[in-house]
Amino acid sequence: MKTITKEQRDAIVEREQVLTAYCKEHGFTSKRSGWTSYKPEQVAHLLPPTNDERAQVELYDFIHNVPDKYFLYVDEKTGNATCFTGLRLGTVIFGNQWRDNFGGSRVAVTIYAVNHRVYHGTYFKSSGDYARVRLAKR
């Protein structure tokens, strides 16, 4: 799997930081909720990162700064764990399914990640296509 270089990652992160500062300065970020909302033409001169670039940064960080906990998406059809844009983070092995106290379906999962680590966690099947996982102890 081809990933970006550290220099490319740093350049994208810098553009994201410039965008964040600009949005706060110009009132595009809500002081109460922290959410940012703007029209693309309002920030076009800053060359904001695309979602694909943000996903590449997420993949770079996932590989080079191995997280203890992670939030990812599960594609049941392909058996892949992905980031928000569908960029593959690993292979999913499904375990037993059970019902929680509210009637939702949960599935135990093991993720063999592209960072050569193993993660275990819960796939919240009835709530969406996401999973919360932790790094497996060796």
N, C-alpha and C. Protein backbone atom coordinates (compact mmCIF):
# COMPACT_ATOMS: atom_id res chain seq x y z
N MET A 1 0.84 -1.17 0.00
CA MET A 1 0.00 0.00 0.00
C MET A 1 0.89 1.25 0.00
N LYS A 2 0.64 2.13 -0.92
CA LYS A 2 1.43 3.34 -1.05
C LYS A 2 0.84 4.44 -0.17
N THR A 3 1.68 5.03 0.64
CA THR A 3 1.24 6.14 1.49
C THR A 3 2.04 7.39 1.16
N ILE A 4 1.62 8.49 1.72
CA ILE A 4 2.33 9.75 1.49
C ILE A 4 3.61 9.78 2.33
N THR A 5 4.49 10.71 2.00
CA THR A 5 5.73 10.88 2.75
C THR A 5 5.48 11.80 3.95
N LYS A 6 6.43 11.85 4.85
CA LYS A 6 6.32 12.72 6.02
C LYS A 6 6.21 14.18 5.59
N GLU A 7 6.95 14.57 4.56
CA GLU A 7 6.90 15.96 4.09
C GLU A 7 5.52 16.29 3.53
N GLN A 8 4.94 15.36 2.76
CA GLN A 8 3.59 15.58 2.22
C GLN A 8 2.57 15.67 3.36
N ARG A 9 2.71 14.79 4.34
CA ARG A 9 1.81 14.80 5.50
C ARG A 9 1.89 16.13 6.22
N ASP A 10 3.12 16.59 6.48
CA ASP A 10 3.30 17.85 7.20
C ASP A 10 2.72 19.03 6.43
N ALA A 11 2.84 19.02 5.10
CA ALA A 11 2.29 20.11 4.28
C ALA A 11 0.76 20.13 4.35
N ILE A 12 0.13 18.96 4.32
CA ILE A 12 -1.32 18.88 4.41
C ILE A 12 -1.79 19.33 5.79
N VAL A 13 -1.10 18.89 6.84
CA VAL A 13 -1.46 19.28 8.22
C VAL A 13 -1.31 20.78 8.39
N GLU A 14 -0.28 21.36 7.81
CA GLU A 14 -0.08 22.81 7.90
C GLU A 14 -1.23 23.56 7.22
N ARG A 15 -1.66 23.09 6.05
CA ARG A 15 -2.79 23.72 5.36
C ARG A 15 -4.06 23.60 6.20
N GLU A 16 -4.24 22.47 6.88
CA GLU A 16 -5.41 22.27 7.75
C GLU A 16 -5.36 23.24 8.93
N GLN A 17 -4.18 23.45 9.50
CA GLN A 17 -4.04 24.38 10.62
C GLN A 17 -4.31 25.82 10.19
N VAL A 18 -3.85 26.19 9.00
CA VAL A 18 -4.11 27.53 8.47
C VAL A 18 -5.61 27.72 8.27
N LEU A 19 -6.28 26.71 7.72
CA LEU A 19 -7.72 26.77 7.51
C LEU A 19 -8.45 26.91 8.84
N THR A 20 -8.08 26.14 9.83
CA THR A 20 -8.72 26.19 11.14
C THR A 20 -8.56 27.57 11.77
N ALA A 21 -7.36 28.11 11.73
CA ALA A 21 -7.12 29.45 12.30
C ALA A 21 -7.92 30.51 11.56
N TYR A 22 -7.96 30.43 10.23
CA TYR A 22 -8.71 31.39 9.42
C TYR A 22 -10.20 31.34 9.76
N CYS A 23 -10.73 30.13 9.89
CA CYS A 23 -12.16 29.97 10.18
C CYS A 23 -12.52 30.53 11.56
N LYS A 24 -11.65 30.32 12.54
CA LYS A 24 -11.90 30.88 13.87
C LYS A 24 -11.84 32.40 13.83
N GLU A 25 -10.86 32.92 13.13
CA GLU A 25 -10.65 34.37 13.04
C GLU A 25 -11.81 35.08 12.34
N HIS A 26 -12.39 34.41 11.34
CA HIS A 26 -13.45 35.04 10.54
C HIS A 26 -14.86 34.61 10.94
N GLY A 27 -14.98 33.93 12.07
CA GLY A 27 -16.30 33.61 12.61
C GLY A 27 -17.01 32.44 11.94
N PHE A 28 -16.27 31.58 11.24
CA PHE A 28 -16.89 30.41 10.61
C PHE A 28 -17.00 29.24 11.59
N THR A 29 -16.35 29.36 12.75
CA THR A 29 -16.39 28.31 13.76
C THR A 29 -17.25 28.78 14.92
N SER A 30 -18.24 27.97 15.28
CA SER A 30 -19.14 28.30 16.38
C SER A 30 -18.39 28.22 17.70
N LYS A 31 -18.51 29.27 18.51
CA LYS A 31 -17.85 29.27 19.82
C LYS A 31 -18.53 28.30 20.77
N ARG A 32 -19.81 28.08 20.56
CA ARG A 32 -20.57 27.21 21.46
C ARG A 32 -20.36 25.73 21.14
N SER A 33 -20.50 25.35 19.86
CA SER A 33 -20.42 23.92 19.51
C SER A 33 -19.05 23.50 19.00
N GLY A 34 -18.27 24.45 18.46
CA GLY A 34 -16.97 24.12 17.91
C GLY A 34 -17.02 23.67 16.46
N TRP A 35 -18.23 23.57 15.89
CA TRP A 35 -18.38 23.15 14.50
C TRP A 35 -18.00 24.31 13.57
N THR A 36 -17.42 23.94 12.44
CA THR A 36 -17.03 24.93 11.44
C THR A 36 -17.89 24.77 10.20
N SER A 37 -18.39 25.89 9.67
CA SER A 37 -19.22 25.86 8.47
C SER A 37 -18.83 27.04 7.59
N TYR A 38 -18.53 26.73 6.33
CA TYR A 38 -18.15 27.77 5.38
C TYR A 38 -18.49 27.31 3.97
N LYS A 39 -18.56 28.26 3.06
CA LYS A 39 -18.76 27.94 1.65
C LYS A 39 -17.38 27.77 1.01
N PRO A 40 -17.22 26.84 0.10
CA PRO A 40 -15.90 26.60 -0.50
C PRO A 40 -15.25 27.86 -1.08
N GLU A 41 -16.05 28.74 -1.66
CA GLU A 41 -15.48 29.95 -2.25
C GLU A 41 -14.93 30.92 -1.19
N GLN A 42 -15.38 30.79 0.05
CA GLN A 42 -14.89 31.66 1.12
C GLN A 42 -13.47 31.32 1.55
N VAL A 43 -13.03 30.09 1.30
CA VAL A 43 -11.70 29.67 1.73
C VAL A 43 -10.85 29.12 0.59
N ALA A 44 -11.30 29.29 -0.64
CA ALA A 44 -10.59 28.73 -1.81
C ALA A 44 -9.15 29.23 -1.91
N HIS A 45 -8.91 30.47 -1.51
CA HIS A 45 -7.56 31.04 -1.59
C HIS A 45 -6.57 30.36 -0.64
N LEU A 46 -7.09 29.60 0.36
CA LEU A 46 -6.23 28.91 1.32
C LEU A 46 -5.82 27.52 0.85
N LEU A 47 -6.42 27.04 -0.25
CA LEU A 47 -6.21 25.67 -0.74
C LEU A 47 -6.43 24.65 0.37
N PRO A 48 -7.67 24.58 0.89
CA PRO A 48 -7.93 23.65 1.99
C PRO A 48 -7.72 22.20 1.56
N PRO A 49 -7.31 21.35 2.49
CA PRO A 49 -7.11 19.94 2.14
C PRO A 49 -8.42 19.28 1.72
N THR A 50 -8.34 18.37 0.79
CA THR A 50 -9.51 17.60 0.38
C THR A 50 -9.73 16.45 1.37
N ASN A 51 -10.87 15.82 1.30
CA ASN A 51 -11.12 14.66 2.17
C ASN A 51 -10.15 13.53 1.85
N ASP A 52 -9.77 13.38 0.60
CA ASP A 52 -8.79 12.34 0.24
C ASP A 52 -7.43 12.62 0.88
N GLU A 53 -7.04 13.89 0.91
CA GLU A 53 -5.78 14.25 1.57
C GLU A 53 -5.87 14.03 3.07
N ARG A 54 -7.00 14.37 3.66
CA ARG A 54 -7.19 14.13 5.10
C ARG A 54 -7.13 12.63 5.40
N ALA A 55 -7.70 11.82 4.52
CA ALA A 55 -7.65 10.36 4.70
C ALA A 55 -6.22 9.85 4.58
N GLN A 56 -5.43 10.41 3.68
CA GLN A 56 -4.03 10.00 3.54
C GLN A 56 -3.24 10.35 4.81
N VAL A 57 -3.54 11.50 5.41
CA VAL A 57 -2.89 11.87 6.67
C VAL A 57 -3.30 10.89 7.77
N GLU A 58 -4.59 10.53 7.80
CA GLU A 58 -5.06 9.57 8.80
C GLU A 58 -4.35 8.23 8.64
N LEU A 59 -4.21 7.77 7.40
CA LEU A 59 -3.51 6.50 7.14
C LEU A 59 -2.04 6.59 7.54
N TYR A 60 -1.37 7.69 7.20
CA TYR A 60 0.03 7.88 7.56
C TYR A 60 0.19 7.81 9.08
N ASP A 61 -0.67 8.54 9.80
CA ASP A 61 -0.59 8.55 11.27
C ASP A 61 -0.91 7.18 11.85
N PHE A 62 -1.86 6.46 11.25
CA PHE A 62 -2.23 5.12 11.72
C PHE A 62 -1.05 4.16 11.59
N ILE A 63 -0.27 4.31 10.53
CA ILE A 63 0.87 3.42 10.31
C ILE A 63 2.08 3.83 11.14
N HIS A 64 2.38 5.12 11.20
CA HIS A 64 3.62 5.58 11.83
C HIS A 64 3.49 5.95 13.31
N ASN A 65 2.30 6.26 13.77
CA ASN A 65 2.06 6.58 15.19
C ASN A 65 0.97 5.63 15.67
N VAL A 66 1.33 4.40 15.93
CA VAL A 66 0.37 3.33 16.22
C VAL A 66 -0.51 3.71 17.40
N PRO A 67 -1.84 3.82 17.18
CA PRO A 67 -2.74 4.19 18.26
C PRO A 67 -3.12 3.01 19.14
N ASP A 68 -3.38 3.27 20.42
CA ASP A 68 -3.85 2.24 21.34
C ASP A 68 -5.34 1.96 21.13
N LYS A 69 -6.10 3.01 20.86
CA LYS A 69 -7.54 2.91 20.61
C LYS A 69 -7.82 3.53 19.25
N TYR A 70 -8.86 3.02 18.57
CA TYR A 70 -9.19 3.59 17.27
C TYR A 70 -10.67 3.44 16.97
N PHE A 71 -11.20 4.37 16.22
CA PHE A 71 -12.57 4.37 15.73
C PHE A 71 -12.48 4.20 14.23
N LEU A 72 -13.10 3.15 13.69
CA LEU A 72 -13.03 2.91 12.25
C LEU A 72 -14.35 2.38 11.74
N TYR A 73 -14.44 2.24 10.45
CA TYR A 73 -15.65 1.76 9.80
C TYR A 73 -15.44 0.34 9.29
N VAL A 74 -16.51 -0.44 9.28
CA VAL A 74 -16.44 -1.84 8.87
C VAL A 74 -17.32 -2.04 7.64
N ASP A 75 -16.74 -2.65 6.61
CA ASP A 75 -17.50 -3.01 5.41
C ASP A 75 -17.71 -4.52 5.48
N GLU A 76 -18.92 -4.93 5.83
CA GLU A 76 -19.21 -6.36 6.00
C GLU A 76 -19.07 -7.15 4.71
N LYS A 77 -19.39 -6.54 3.58
CA LYS A 77 -19.34 -7.25 2.30
C LYS A 77 -17.91 -7.63 1.90
N THR A 78 -16.97 -6.71 2.11
CA THR A 78 -15.58 -6.96 1.72
C THR A 78 -14.73 -7.46 2.88
N GLY A 79 -15.20 -7.26 4.11
CA GLY A 79 -14.42 -7.65 5.28
C GLY A 79 -13.25 -6.72 5.54
N ASN A 80 -13.41 -5.46 5.14
CA ASN A 80 -12.34 -4.48 5.34
C ASN A 80 -12.70 -3.47 6.43
N ALA A 81 -11.69 -3.03 7.15
CA ALA A 81 -11.80 -1.91 8.07
C ALA A 81 -11.31 -0.69 7.30
N THR A 82 -12.05 0.41 7.37
CA THR A 82 -11.69 1.59 6.57
C THR A 82 -11.76 2.86 7.41
N CYS A 83 -11.17 3.93 6.87
CA CYS A 83 -11.34 5.26 7.46
C CYS A 83 -12.61 5.86 6.86
N PHE A 84 -12.90 7.11 7.15
CA PHE A 84 -14.16 7.71 6.74
C PHE A 84 -14.35 7.82 5.23
N THR A 85 -13.28 7.81 4.46
CA THR A 85 -13.42 7.90 3.00
C THR A 85 -13.39 6.54 2.32
N GLY A 86 -13.21 5.48 3.09
CA GLY A 86 -13.16 4.14 2.51
C GLY A 86 -11.75 3.63 2.28
N LEU A 87 -10.74 4.38 2.70
CA LEU A 87 -9.35 3.95 2.58
C LEU A 87 -9.10 2.78 3.53
N ARG A 88 -8.58 1.69 3.02
CA ARG A 88 -8.45 0.45 3.77
C ARG A 88 -7.42 0.57 4.90
N LEU A 89 -7.85 0.18 6.13
CA LEU A 89 -6.97 0.18 7.29
C LEU A 89 -6.63 -1.24 7.75
N GLY A 90 -7.36 -2.23 7.26
CA GLY A 90 -7.07 -3.61 7.67
C GLY A 90 -8.16 -4.58 7.26
N THR A 91 -7.97 -5.84 7.67
CA THR A 91 -8.91 -6.91 7.40
C THR A 91 -9.67 -7.25 8.68
N VAL A 92 -10.98 -7.45 8.55
CA VAL A 92 -11.84 -7.73 9.70
C VAL A 92 -12.17 -9.21 9.79
N ILE A 93 -12.03 -9.78 10.98
CA ILE A 93 -12.49 -11.13 11.28
C ILE A 93 -13.64 -10.96 12.28
N PHE A 94 -14.80 -11.49 11.92
CA PHE A 94 -16.00 -11.33 12.75
C PHE A 94 -16.11 -12.47 13.75
N GLY A 95 -16.48 -12.13 14.97
CA GLY A 95 -16.69 -13.10 16.04
C GLY A 95 -18.17 -13.28 16.32
N ASN A 96 -18.48 -13.55 17.57
CA ASN A 96 -19.87 -13.76 17.98
C ASN A 96 -20.67 -12.47 17.99
N GLN A 97 -21.95 -12.60 17.69
CA GLN A 97 -22.87 -11.47 17.73
C GLN A 97 -23.73 -11.58 18.99
N TRP A 98 -24.06 -10.45 19.60
CA TRP A 98 -24.93 -10.44 20.77
C TRP A 98 -25.79 -9.19 20.77
N ARG A 99 -26.78 -9.18 21.62
CA ARG A 99 -27.68 -8.04 21.78
C ARG A 99 -27.31 -7.28 23.04
N ASP A 100 -27.30 -5.95 22.94
CA ASP A 100 -27.06 -5.14 24.14
C ASP A 100 -28.38 -4.92 24.89
N ASN A 101 -28.35 -4.19 25.98
CA ASN A 101 -29.54 -3.99 26.81
C ASN A 101 -30.64 -3.19 26.12
N PHE A 102 -30.30 -2.50 25.04
CA PHE A 102 -31.28 -1.69 24.33
C PHE A 102 -31.78 -2.38 23.06
N GLY A 103 -31.37 -3.63 22.84
CA GLY A 103 -31.83 -4.39 21.68
C GLY A 103 -30.96 -4.26 20.45
N GLY A 104 -29.85 -3.55 20.54
CA GLY A 104 -28.97 -3.38 19.39
C GLY A 104 -28.05 -4.58 19.20
N SER A 105 -27.62 -4.78 17.97
CA SER A 105 -26.70 -5.88 17.65
C SER A 105 -25.26 -5.41 17.70
N ARG A 106 -24.43 -6.19 18.35
CA ARG A 106 -23.00 -5.92 18.42
C ARG A 106 -22.25 -7.19 18.03
N VAL A 107 -21.09 -7.00 17.44
CA VAL A 107 -20.30 -8.13 16.99
C VAL A 107 -18.86 -7.93 17.45
N ALA A 108 -18.28 -8.97 18.02
CA ALA A 108 -16.86 -8.92 18.38
C ALA A 108 -16.05 -8.99 17.09
N VAL A 109 -15.02 -8.15 16.98
CA VAL A 109 -14.18 -8.14 15.78
C VAL A 109 -12.70 -8.16 16.14
N THR A 110 -11.94 -8.73 15.24
CA THR A 110 -10.48 -8.67 15.29
C THR A 110 -10.05 -8.02 13.99
N ILE A 111 -9.17 -7.04 14.09
CA ILE A 111 -8.69 -6.32 12.91
C ILE A 111 -7.21 -6.61 12.74
N TYR A 112 -6.84 -7.13 11.58
CA TYR A 112 -5.44 -7.28 11.21
C TYR A 112 -5.10 -6.05 10.38
N ALA A 113 -4.46 -5.09 11.02
CA ALA A 113 -4.30 -3.76 10.45
C ALA A 113 -3.09 -3.65 9.53
N VAL A 114 -3.13 -2.61 8.67
CA VAL A 114 -2.03 -2.36 7.73
C VAL A 114 -0.77 -1.87 8.44
N ASN A 115 -0.88 -1.51 9.73
CA ASN A 115 0.29 -1.11 10.50
C ASN A 115 0.95 -2.31 11.18
N HIS A 116 0.55 -3.53 10.75
CA HIS A 116 1.11 -4.79 11.23
C HIS A 116 0.82 -5.03 12.71
N ARG A 117 -0.30 -4.52 13.18
CA ARG A 117 -0.75 -4.74 14.54
C ARG A 117 -2.12 -5.41 14.51
N VAL A 118 -2.51 -5.97 15.63
CA VAL A 118 -3.82 -6.61 15.76
C VAL A 118 -4.65 -5.80 16.75
N TYR A 119 -5.90 -5.55 16.39
CA TYR A 119 -6.83 -4.82 17.24
C TYR A 119 -8.04 -5.71 17.53
N HIS A 120 -8.61 -5.58 18.73
CA HIS A 120 -9.84 -6.26 19.10
C HIS A 120 -10.85 -5.21 19.52
N GLY A 121 -12.12 -5.47 19.26
CA GLY A 121 -13.12 -4.52 19.69
C GLY A 121 -14.52 -4.93 19.33
N THR A 122 -15.40 -3.92 19.26
CA THR A 122 -16.82 -4.14 19.03
C THR A 122 -17.28 -3.40 17.79
N TYR A 123 -17.96 -4.13 16.93
CA TYR A 123 -18.61 -3.57 15.74
C TYR A 123 -20.07 -3.34 16.11
N PHE A 124 -20.50 -2.09 16.07
CA PHE A 124 -21.86 -1.73 16.46
C PHE A 124 -22.76 -1.86 15.24
N LYS A 125 -23.14 -3.09 14.95
CA LYS A 125 -23.83 -3.45 13.71
C LYS A 125 -25.15 -2.73 13.50
N SER A 126 -25.98 -2.64 14.53
CA SER A 126 -27.31 -2.04 14.36
C SER A 126 -27.27 -0.51 14.44
N SER A 127 -26.20 0.05 14.92
CA SER A 127 -26.11 1.51 15.08
C SER A 127 -25.46 2.19 13.88
N GLY A 128 -24.84 1.44 13.02
CA GLY A 128 -24.14 2.01 11.88
C GLY A 128 -23.06 1.03 11.47
N ASP A 129 -22.12 1.50 10.72
CA ASP A 129 -21.06 0.61 10.23
C ASP A 129 -19.72 0.91 10.90
N TYR A 130 -19.74 1.24 12.17
CA TYR A 130 -18.51 1.62 12.85
C TYR A 130 -18.12 0.63 13.93
N ALA A 131 -16.85 0.69 14.31
CA ALA A 131 -16.32 -0.17 15.37
C ALA A 131 -15.36 0.65 16.23
N ARG A 132 -15.33 0.31 17.49
CA ARG A 132 -14.33 0.86 18.42
C ARG A 132 -13.41 -0.29 18.79
N VAL A 133 -12.12 -0.07 18.58
CA VAL A 133 -11.16 -1.15 18.79
C VAL A 133 -9.99 -0.68 19.65
N ARG A 134 -9.31 -1.67 20.25
CA ARG A 134 -8.11 -1.43 21.05
C ARG A 134 -7.00 -2.33 20.56
N LEU A 135 -5.79 -1.85 20.72
CA LEU A 135 -4.61 -2.62 20.36
C LEU A 135 -4.54 -3.88 21.22
N ALA A 136 -4.33 -5.03 20.58
CA ALA A 136 -4.25 -6.29 21.30
C ALA A 136 -2.94 -6.37 22.07
N LYS A 137 -2.99 -6.96 23.24
CA LYS A 137 -1.77 -7.18 24.02
C LYS A 137 -1.04 -8.34 23.41
N ARG A 138 0.26 -8.26 23.37
CA ARG A 138 1.05 -9.33 22.74
C ARG A 138 1.30 -10.44 23.69
